[in-house]
Amino acid sequence: MSDDRKVLERIRAEIGRDPLLQFEGDTCVSLSLWNESEPFAGLIRHHDDAAKQRVLLDIARLRGLRTLDIHQNWLRSLPAELGGLQELRSLNVCSNYLGTLPEWIWSLNKLEFLSVGVNNLEAVSPRVSELQNLRSLFLHKNRIRELPKEVLQLRGLKTLSLYLNAIPEFPGWVSELPDIEMFSWGISGITRFPREIAAWKKLKYLTLVCCQFDNLEGIEECHSLLGTRLHKNKVKQLPRDWSGMKLLRQLTLYQNELSELPDSMAGMDQLQMLNIAWNGFTHLPAWLASMRSLTWLSTHHNQWADATEFERLPARVKVVREHPFGWQPAPMWNKLDYT
């Protein structure tokens, strides 16, 4: 039996079940302590702290690991020995209770994916700039008050999630990152739509939710967008010219203060899913019936004056006219940030 398999036998004995593993030959290259069959349950979530540390110390012996997922395990600390996993490309420690990040994380210079969301973090070290191979950085649902400008040195960064933090103003300088494809921000007091994001010419997915701005001036310049979530803001009027948004497939505008959609949206031939629920609409735009890619439309909680307008929509369009209560999995098209 190889050394990795001996280590994994100890880990199995400690946690009482098999973790999710991938091998290349006798080398374990991927390990996950996430219990896919039980939402919100890591495999060592209910173990005592001593048992958790024993498992983590054994994981640190798997020197060929490239992917490590230990999120949602109620971890309060990570042993320094994990810093020896210098082959790691992907590290997910989100949804724990770390409070601060260990310094050894910044020495994992092969990392391409790092998720540290939901950890009660108040700061990010300027040493984040040492992760020069980083492509995805998830900092969501923390208490971070300021994003260090050293993030600008991550020139290959494609995904940045800052959703639900304590940063008081939108850091416009992040628009200098040249390759951003996915960005997430939300539950914030900002009163101005950050039109700096139009500088991201590769931006595909955008989440800007639960803010205080009343217009989206600048969004129409984001011509590479495929999907965007703009719900629970205070938007009263949309930009008039959406003619450049030819690639947009999903648009979520629910729970704003809108009463009309601009006619220029009729040219968005790729639009598949549109959510305009919880607004002030009274009539459906006639052009919706001719949207050739539209398959899903959410319209509940509006004051529709003429219900027969919905009969003009093609049969392929699923119309959600009542709020679907109860738990159900989020559709993947609406999952633009990771929790």
Protein backbone atom coordinates (compact mmCIF):
# COMPACT_ATOMS: atom_id res chain seq x y z
CA MET A 1 0.00 0.00 0.00
CA SER A 2 1.34 3.45 -0.96
CA ASP A 3 2.03 6.12 1.62
CA ASP A 4 -0.98 8.20 0.44
CA ARG A 5 -3.33 5.24 0.75
CA LYS A 6 -2.07 4.52 4.28
CA VAL A 7 -2.72 8.13 5.24
CA LEU A 8 -6.20 7.96 3.74
CA GLU A 9 -6.98 4.83 5.74
CA ARG A 10 -6.31 6.85 8.91
CA ILE A 11 -8.46 9.71 7.65
CA ARG A 12 -11.33 7.33 6.86
CA ALA A 13 -11.08 5.80 10.33
CA GLU A 14 -11.14 9.24 11.96
CA ILE A 15 -14.09 10.69 10.06
CA GLY A 16 -16.09 7.46 9.82
CA ARG A 17 -16.68 7.52 6.06
CA ASP A 18 -14.91 8.03 2.74
CA PRO A 19 -13.97 11.54 1.66
CA LEU A 20 -14.28 12.37 -2.03
CA LEU A 21 -10.95 11.50 -3.65
CA GLN A 22 -9.16 11.52 -6.98
CA PHE A 23 -5.95 9.66 -7.71
CA GLU A 24 -3.25 9.68 -10.34
CA GLY A 25 -1.60 6.31 -9.92
CA ASP A 26 -0.97 5.97 -6.18
CA THR A 27 -0.91 9.72 -5.61
CA CYS A 28 -3.97 11.44 -4.16
CA VAL A 29 -4.39 14.68 -6.14
CA SER A 30 -7.82 15.80 -4.89
CA LEU A 31 -9.58 15.51 -1.53
CA SER A 32 -12.91 16.94 -0.40
CA LEU A 33 -14.41 16.86 3.09
CA TRP A 34 -17.71 18.13 1.73
CA ASN A 35 -20.72 15.85 2.18
CA GLU A 36 -22.58 16.23 -1.08
CA SER A 37 -25.54 14.17 0.15
CA GLU A 38 -26.26 16.51 3.07
CA PRO A 39 -26.37 20.24 2.27
CA PHE A 40 -24.40 22.44 4.68
CA ALA A 41 -22.60 19.45 6.24
CA GLY A 42 -18.87 18.94 6.04
CA LEU A 43 -17.61 15.48 6.94
CA ILE A 44 -15.89 16.64 10.14
CA ARG A 45 -18.31 19.43 10.97
CA HIS A 46 -19.43 17.74 14.20
CA HIS A 47 -16.08 16.29 15.26
CA ASP A 48 -14.31 17.88 18.22
CA ASP A 49 -11.43 20.27 17.60
CA ALA A 50 -8.76 17.68 18.43
CA ALA A 51 -10.19 15.21 15.90
CA LYS A 52 -10.40 17.93 13.26
CA GLN A 53 -6.75 18.79 13.77
CA ARG A 54 -5.72 15.15 13.48
CA VAL A 55 -7.52 14.89 10.14
CA LEU A 56 -5.95 18.12 8.86
CA LEU A 57 -2.47 17.00 9.92
CA ASP A 58 -2.93 13.77 8.01
CA ILE A 59 -4.14 15.70 4.96
CA ALA A 60 -0.91 17.71 5.17
CA ARG A 61 0.98 14.45 4.48
CA LEU A 62 -0.63 14.18 1.03
CA ARG A 63 2.08 16.23 -0.67
CA GLY A 64 0.76 15.60 -4.20
CA LEU A 65 -2.61 17.26 -3.53
CA ARG A 66 -3.66 19.77 -6.16
CA THR A 67 -7.24 20.31 -4.97
CA LEU A 68 -8.35 20.57 -1.33
CA ASP A 69 -11.93 21.34 -0.29
CA ILE A 70 -12.52 21.61 3.47
CA HIS A 71 -15.35 24.13 3.47
CA GLN A 72 -18.28 24.08 5.92
CA ASN A 73 -16.51 22.06 8.60
CA TRP A 74 -16.65 24.58 11.48
CA LEU A 75 -12.87 24.88 11.51
CA ARG A 76 -11.42 27.50 13.83
CA SER A 77 -7.80 27.12 12.77
CA LEU A 78 -5.67 25.50 10.09
CA PRO A 79 -2.36 23.86 11.07
CA ALA A 80 0.84 25.29 9.66
CA GLU A 81 1.69 21.89 8.21
CA LEU A 82 -0.89 22.46 5.47
CA GLY A 83 1.49 25.08 4.10
CA GLY A 84 3.62 22.19 2.88
CA LEU A 85 1.06 21.36 0.19
CA GLN A 86 2.98 23.29 -2.41
CA GLU A 87 1.28 21.56 -5.36
CA LEU A 88 -2.14 22.98 -4.50
CA ARG A 89 -3.94 24.69 -7.36
CA SER A 90 -7.33 24.94 -5.65
CA LEU A 91 -8.10 25.59 -1.98
CA ASN A 92 -11.61 26.02 -0.57
CA VAL A 93 -11.82 26.87 3.14
CA CYS A 94 -15.01 28.94 3.01
CA SER A 95 -17.82 28.72 5.57
CA ASN A 96 -15.66 28.07 8.59
CA TYR A 97 -14.75 30.22 11.63
CA LEU A 98 -11.15 31.16 10.88
CA GLY A 99 -11.32 34.87 11.77
CA THR A 100 -7.90 35.42 10.18
CA LEU A 101 -6.04 33.61 7.43
CA PRO A 102 -2.78 31.83 8.21
CA GLU A 103 0.30 33.34 6.60
CA TRP A 104 1.23 30.08 4.90
CA ILE A 105 -1.66 30.50 2.46
CA TRP A 106 0.27 33.27 0.70
CA SER A 107 3.18 30.89 0.06
CA LEU A 108 1.04 28.50 -2.02
CA ASN A 109 2.31 30.08 -5.21
CA LYS A 110 0.68 27.57 -7.57
CA LEU A 111 -2.82 28.43 -6.38
CA GLU A 112 -5.27 29.29 -9.13
CA PHE A 113 -8.49 29.13 -7.06
CA LEU A 114 -8.89 30.42 -3.50
CA SER A 115 -12.19 30.60 -1.64
CA VAL A 116 -12.11 32.05 1.89
CA GLY A 117 -15.65 33.42 2.08
CA VAL A 118 -17.84 33.23 5.20
CA ASN A 119 -15.01 33.19 7.73
CA ASN A 120 -15.53 36.39 9.76
CA LEU A 121 -12.46 37.91 8.12
CA GLU A 122 -11.89 41.62 8.72
CA ALA A 123 -8.89 42.05 6.47
CA VAL A 124 -6.96 40.54 3.58
CA SER A 125 -3.19 40.57 3.76
CA PRO A 126 -1.27 42.60 1.15
CA ARG A 127 0.62 39.33 0.65
CA VAL A 128 -2.28 38.23 -1.55
CA SER A 129 -0.17 39.71 -4.36
CA GLU A 130 2.24 36.77 -3.97
CA LEU A 131 -0.35 34.42 -5.50
CA GLN A 132 0.65 35.31 -9.04
CA ASN A 133 -1.13 32.32 -10.61
CA LEU A 134 -4.47 33.14 -8.98
CA ARG A 135 -7.45 33.18 -11.33
CA SER A 136 -10.38 33.10 -8.87
CA LEU A 137 -10.61 34.86 -5.51
CA PHE A 138 -13.74 34.50 -3.36
CA LEU A 139 -13.92 36.82 -0.33
CA HIS A 140 -17.71 36.92 0.01
CA LYS A 141 -19.70 37.20 3.25
CA ASN A 142 -16.94 38.44 5.51
CA ARG A 143 -16.38 41.70 7.44
CA ILE A 144 -13.62 43.07 5.25
CA ARG A 145 -13.49 46.86 5.47
CA GLU A 146 -10.84 47.54 2.84
CA LEU A 147 -9.51 45.62 -0.11
CA PRO A 148 -5.72 45.94 -0.39
CA LYS A 149 -4.59 47.53 -3.63
CA GLU A 150 -2.02 44.75 -3.94
CA VAL A 151 -4.88 42.81 -5.54
CA LEU A 152 -4.05 44.81 -8.68
CA GLN A 153 -0.87 42.76 -8.98
CA LEU A 154 -2.98 39.67 -9.72
CA ARG A 155 -3.05 40.43 -13.42
CA GLY A 156 -4.50 37.06 -14.41
CA LEU A 157 -7.48 37.28 -12.04
CA LYS A 158 -10.73 36.35 -13.77
CA THR A 159 -13.18 35.98 -10.85
CA LEU A 160 -13.52 38.33 -7.87
CA SER A 161 -16.31 38.00 -5.31
CA LEU A 162 -16.69 40.78 -2.74
CA TYR A 163 -20.36 40.12 -1.99
CA LEU A 164 -21.54 41.14 1.51
CA ASN A 165 -18.56 42.74 3.16
CA ALA A 166 -18.10 45.99 5.11
CA ILE A 167 -16.34 47.94 2.36
CA PRO A 168 -18.15 51.32 2.48
CA GLU A 169 -17.52 52.47 -1.11
CA PHE A 170 -17.05 50.61 -4.35
CA PRO A 171 -13.27 50.36 -4.98
CA GLY A 172 -13.24 51.75 -8.50
CA TRP A 173 -9.58 50.87 -8.94
CA VAL A 174 -10.49 47.17 -9.33
CA SER A 175 -11.56 48.06 -12.87
CA GLU A 176 -7.83 48.14 -13.69
CA LEU A 177 -7.72 44.34 -13.47
CA PRO A 178 -7.64 43.47 -17.17
CA ASP A 179 -9.12 39.97 -17.34
CA ILE A 180 -12.14 39.98 -14.97
CA GLU A 181 -14.91 37.72 -16.28
CA MET A 182 -17.03 37.32 -13.13
CA PHE A 183 -17.63 39.92 -10.41
CA SER A 184 -19.90 39.90 -7.39
CA TRP A 185 -20.89 42.73 -5.00
CA GLY A 186 -23.97 43.09 -2.86
CA ILE A 187 -25.79 44.14 0.32
CA SER A 188 -24.09 47.51 0.30
CA GLY A 189 -25.04 51.12 0.89
CA ILE A 190 -23.51 52.43 -2.34
CA THR A 191 -25.86 54.91 -4.03
CA ARG A 192 -24.15 55.07 -7.43
CA PHE A 193 -24.02 52.29 -9.98
CA PRO A 194 -20.27 51.66 -10.42
CA ARG A 195 -19.92 52.35 -14.10
CA GLU A 196 -16.18 51.72 -13.81
CA ILE A 197 -17.04 48.08 -14.46
CA ALA A 198 -17.56 48.98 -18.13
CA ALA A 199 -13.75 48.90 -18.36
CA TRP A 200 -13.92 45.11 -18.00
CA LYS A 201 -14.17 44.16 -21.67
CA LYS A 202 -14.21 40.43 -20.84
CA LEU A 203 -16.90 40.60 -18.14
CA LYS A 204 -19.37 37.71 -18.55
CA TYR A 205 -21.19 37.42 -15.22
CA LEU A 206 -22.09 40.31 -12.92
CA THR A 207 -23.85 40.35 -9.55
CA LEU A 208 -24.76 43.77 -8.07
CA VAL A 209 -27.61 43.26 -5.62
CA CYS A 210 -29.19 44.88 -2.56
CA CYS A 211 -27.66 48.31 -3.10
CA GLN A 212 -29.13 51.82 -3.01
CA PHE A 213 -28.61 53.07 -6.58
CA ASP A 214 -31.66 54.10 -8.64
CA ASN A 215 -30.24 53.68 -12.16
CA LEU A 216 -27.92 51.39 -14.11
CA GLU A 217 -26.18 53.95 -16.32
CA GLY A 218 -23.09 52.21 -17.66
CA ILE A 219 -24.42 48.64 -17.71
CA GLU A 220 -25.27 49.05 -21.40
CA GLU A 221 -21.56 49.37 -22.14
CA CYS A 222 -20.81 45.86 -20.82
CA HIS A 223 -21.17 44.20 -24.21
CA SER A 224 -19.58 40.87 -23.21
CA LEU A 225 -22.12 40.09 -20.47
CA LEU A 226 -23.80 36.68 -20.60
CA GLY A 227 -25.68 36.91 -17.30
CA THR A 228 -26.32 39.54 -14.66
CA ARG A 229 -28.15 39.70 -11.35
CA LEU A 230 -29.32 43.23 -10.48
CA HIS A 231 -32.13 42.49 -8.06
CA LYS A 232 -33.19 44.18 -4.82
CA ASN A 233 -31.81 47.58 -5.74
CA LYS A 234 -33.83 50.79 -6.15
CA VAL A 235 -33.66 51.07 -9.92
CA LYS A 236 -36.47 53.21 -11.35
CA GLN A 237 -35.36 53.47 -14.96
CA LEU A 238 -33.10 51.49 -17.26
CA PRO A 239 -30.69 52.91 -19.84
CA ARG A 240 -32.47 53.44 -23.16
CA ASP A 241 -29.96 51.79 -25.48
CA TRP A 242 -29.40 48.04 -25.00
CA SER A 243 -28.50 47.43 -28.63
CA GLY A 244 -24.95 46.42 -27.72
CA MET A 245 -26.06 43.66 -25.33
CA LYS A 246 -26.23 41.00 -28.03
CA LEU A 247 -24.75 38.20 -25.90
CA LEU A 248 -26.91 38.58 -22.79
CA ARG A 249 -28.72 35.34 -21.91
CA GLN A 250 -29.97 35.97 -18.38
CA LEU A 251 -31.19 39.23 -16.82
CA THR A 252 -32.50 39.42 -13.26
CA LEU A 253 -34.20 42.68 -12.27
CA TYR A 254 -36.64 41.58 -9.62
CA GLN A 255 -37.51 43.71 -6.61
CA ASN A 256 -36.62 47.08 -8.10
CA GLU A 257 -38.94 50.01 -8.88
CA LEU A 258 -39.30 49.57 -12.64
CA SER A 259 -42.47 50.13 -14.66
CA GLU A 260 -41.17 49.70 -18.21
CA LEU A 261 -38.49 48.03 -20.30
CA PRO A 262 -36.80 49.97 -23.13
CA ASP A 263 -37.74 48.89 -26.65
CA SER A 264 -34.07 48.47 -27.54
CA MET A 265 -34.11 45.24 -25.51
CA ALA A 266 -36.06 43.65 -28.36
CA GLY A 267 -32.73 43.22 -30.15
CA MET A 268 -31.24 40.97 -27.44
CA ASP A 269 -31.64 37.79 -29.50
CA GLN A 270 -29.76 35.57 -27.04
CA LEU A 271 -31.87 36.43 -23.98
CA GLN A 272 -33.24 33.19 -22.51
CA MET A 273 -34.31 34.10 -18.98
CA LEU A 274 -35.78 37.35 -17.71
CA ASN A 275 -36.89 38.08 -14.16
CA ILE A 276 -38.97 41.25 -13.66
CA ALA A 277 -40.94 40.14 -10.60
CA TRP A 278 -41.68 42.52 -7.71
CA ASN A 279 -41.66 45.75 -9.70
CA GLY A 280 -44.30 48.21 -10.87
CA PHE A 281 -45.17 46.82 -14.29
CA THR A 282 -48.75 46.99 -15.56
CA HIS A 283 -48.24 45.86 -19.20
CA LEU A 284 -45.98 43.40 -20.97
CA PRO A 285 -43.93 44.91 -23.80
CA ALA A 286 -45.35 43.62 -27.08
CA TRP A 287 -41.86 42.78 -28.33
CA LEU A 288 -41.42 40.08 -25.67
CA ALA A 289 -43.55 37.76 -27.82
CA SER A 290 -40.96 37.91 -30.60
CA MET A 291 -37.88 37.20 -28.46
CA ARG A 292 -36.71 34.08 -30.25
CA SER A 293 -34.53 32.65 -27.44
CA LEU A 294 -36.74 33.48 -24.45
CA THR A 295 -37.74 30.35 -22.50
CA TRP A 296 -38.34 31.61 -18.93
CA LEU A 297 -40.05 34.73 -17.60
CA SER A 298 -40.82 35.63 -13.99
CA THR A 299 -43.55 38.26 -13.54
CA HIS A 300 -45.14 37.76 -10.12
CA HIS A 301 -45.85 40.67 -7.76
CA ASN A 302 -46.64 43.24 -10.45
CA GLN A 303 -49.97 44.98 -11.14
CA TRP A 304 -50.84 43.52 -14.53
CA ALA A 305 -53.80 45.32 -16.09
CA ASP A 306 -54.55 42.74 -18.78
CA ALA A 307 -53.83 39.07 -18.14
CA THR A 308 -54.53 38.21 -21.77
CA GLU A 309 -51.22 39.82 -22.73
CA PHE A 310 -49.51 36.67 -21.53
CA GLU A 311 -51.39 34.63 -24.13
CA ARG A 312 -49.31 36.28 -26.85
CA LEU A 313 -46.14 34.66 -25.55
CA PRO A 314 -44.95 31.51 -27.36
CA ALA A 315 -45.79 28.19 -25.72
CA ARG A 316 -42.10 27.46 -25.09
CA VAL A 317 -41.89 30.33 -22.56
CA LYS A 318 -42.40 29.19 -18.98
CA VAL A 319 -44.05 32.09 -17.13
CA VAL A 320 -43.72 32.24 -13.35
CA ARG A 321 -46.71 34.31 -12.24
CA GLU A 322 -46.77 33.23 -8.60
CA HIS A 323 -43.91 33.24 -6.14
CA PRO A 324 -42.65 29.65 -5.71
CA PHE A 325 -42.62 29.14 -1.96
CA GLY A 326 -40.62 26.39 -0.29
CA TRP A 327 -37.07 25.17 -0.69
CA GLN A 328 -35.83 24.28 -4.14
CA PRO A 329 -32.36 24.12 -5.67
CA ALA A 330 -31.21 27.37 -7.25
CA PRO A 331 -31.08 27.08 -11.05
CA MET A 332 -27.50 27.12 -12.28
CA TRP A 333 -28.12 30.15 -14.48
CA ASN A 334 -28.87 32.14 -11.34
CA LYS A 335 -25.78 30.91 -9.48
CA LEU A 336 -23.35 33.64 -10.42
CA ASP A 337 -21.46 33.67 -7.12
CA TYR A 338 -20.43 30.88 -4.80
CA THR A 339 -21.62 30.59 -1.24
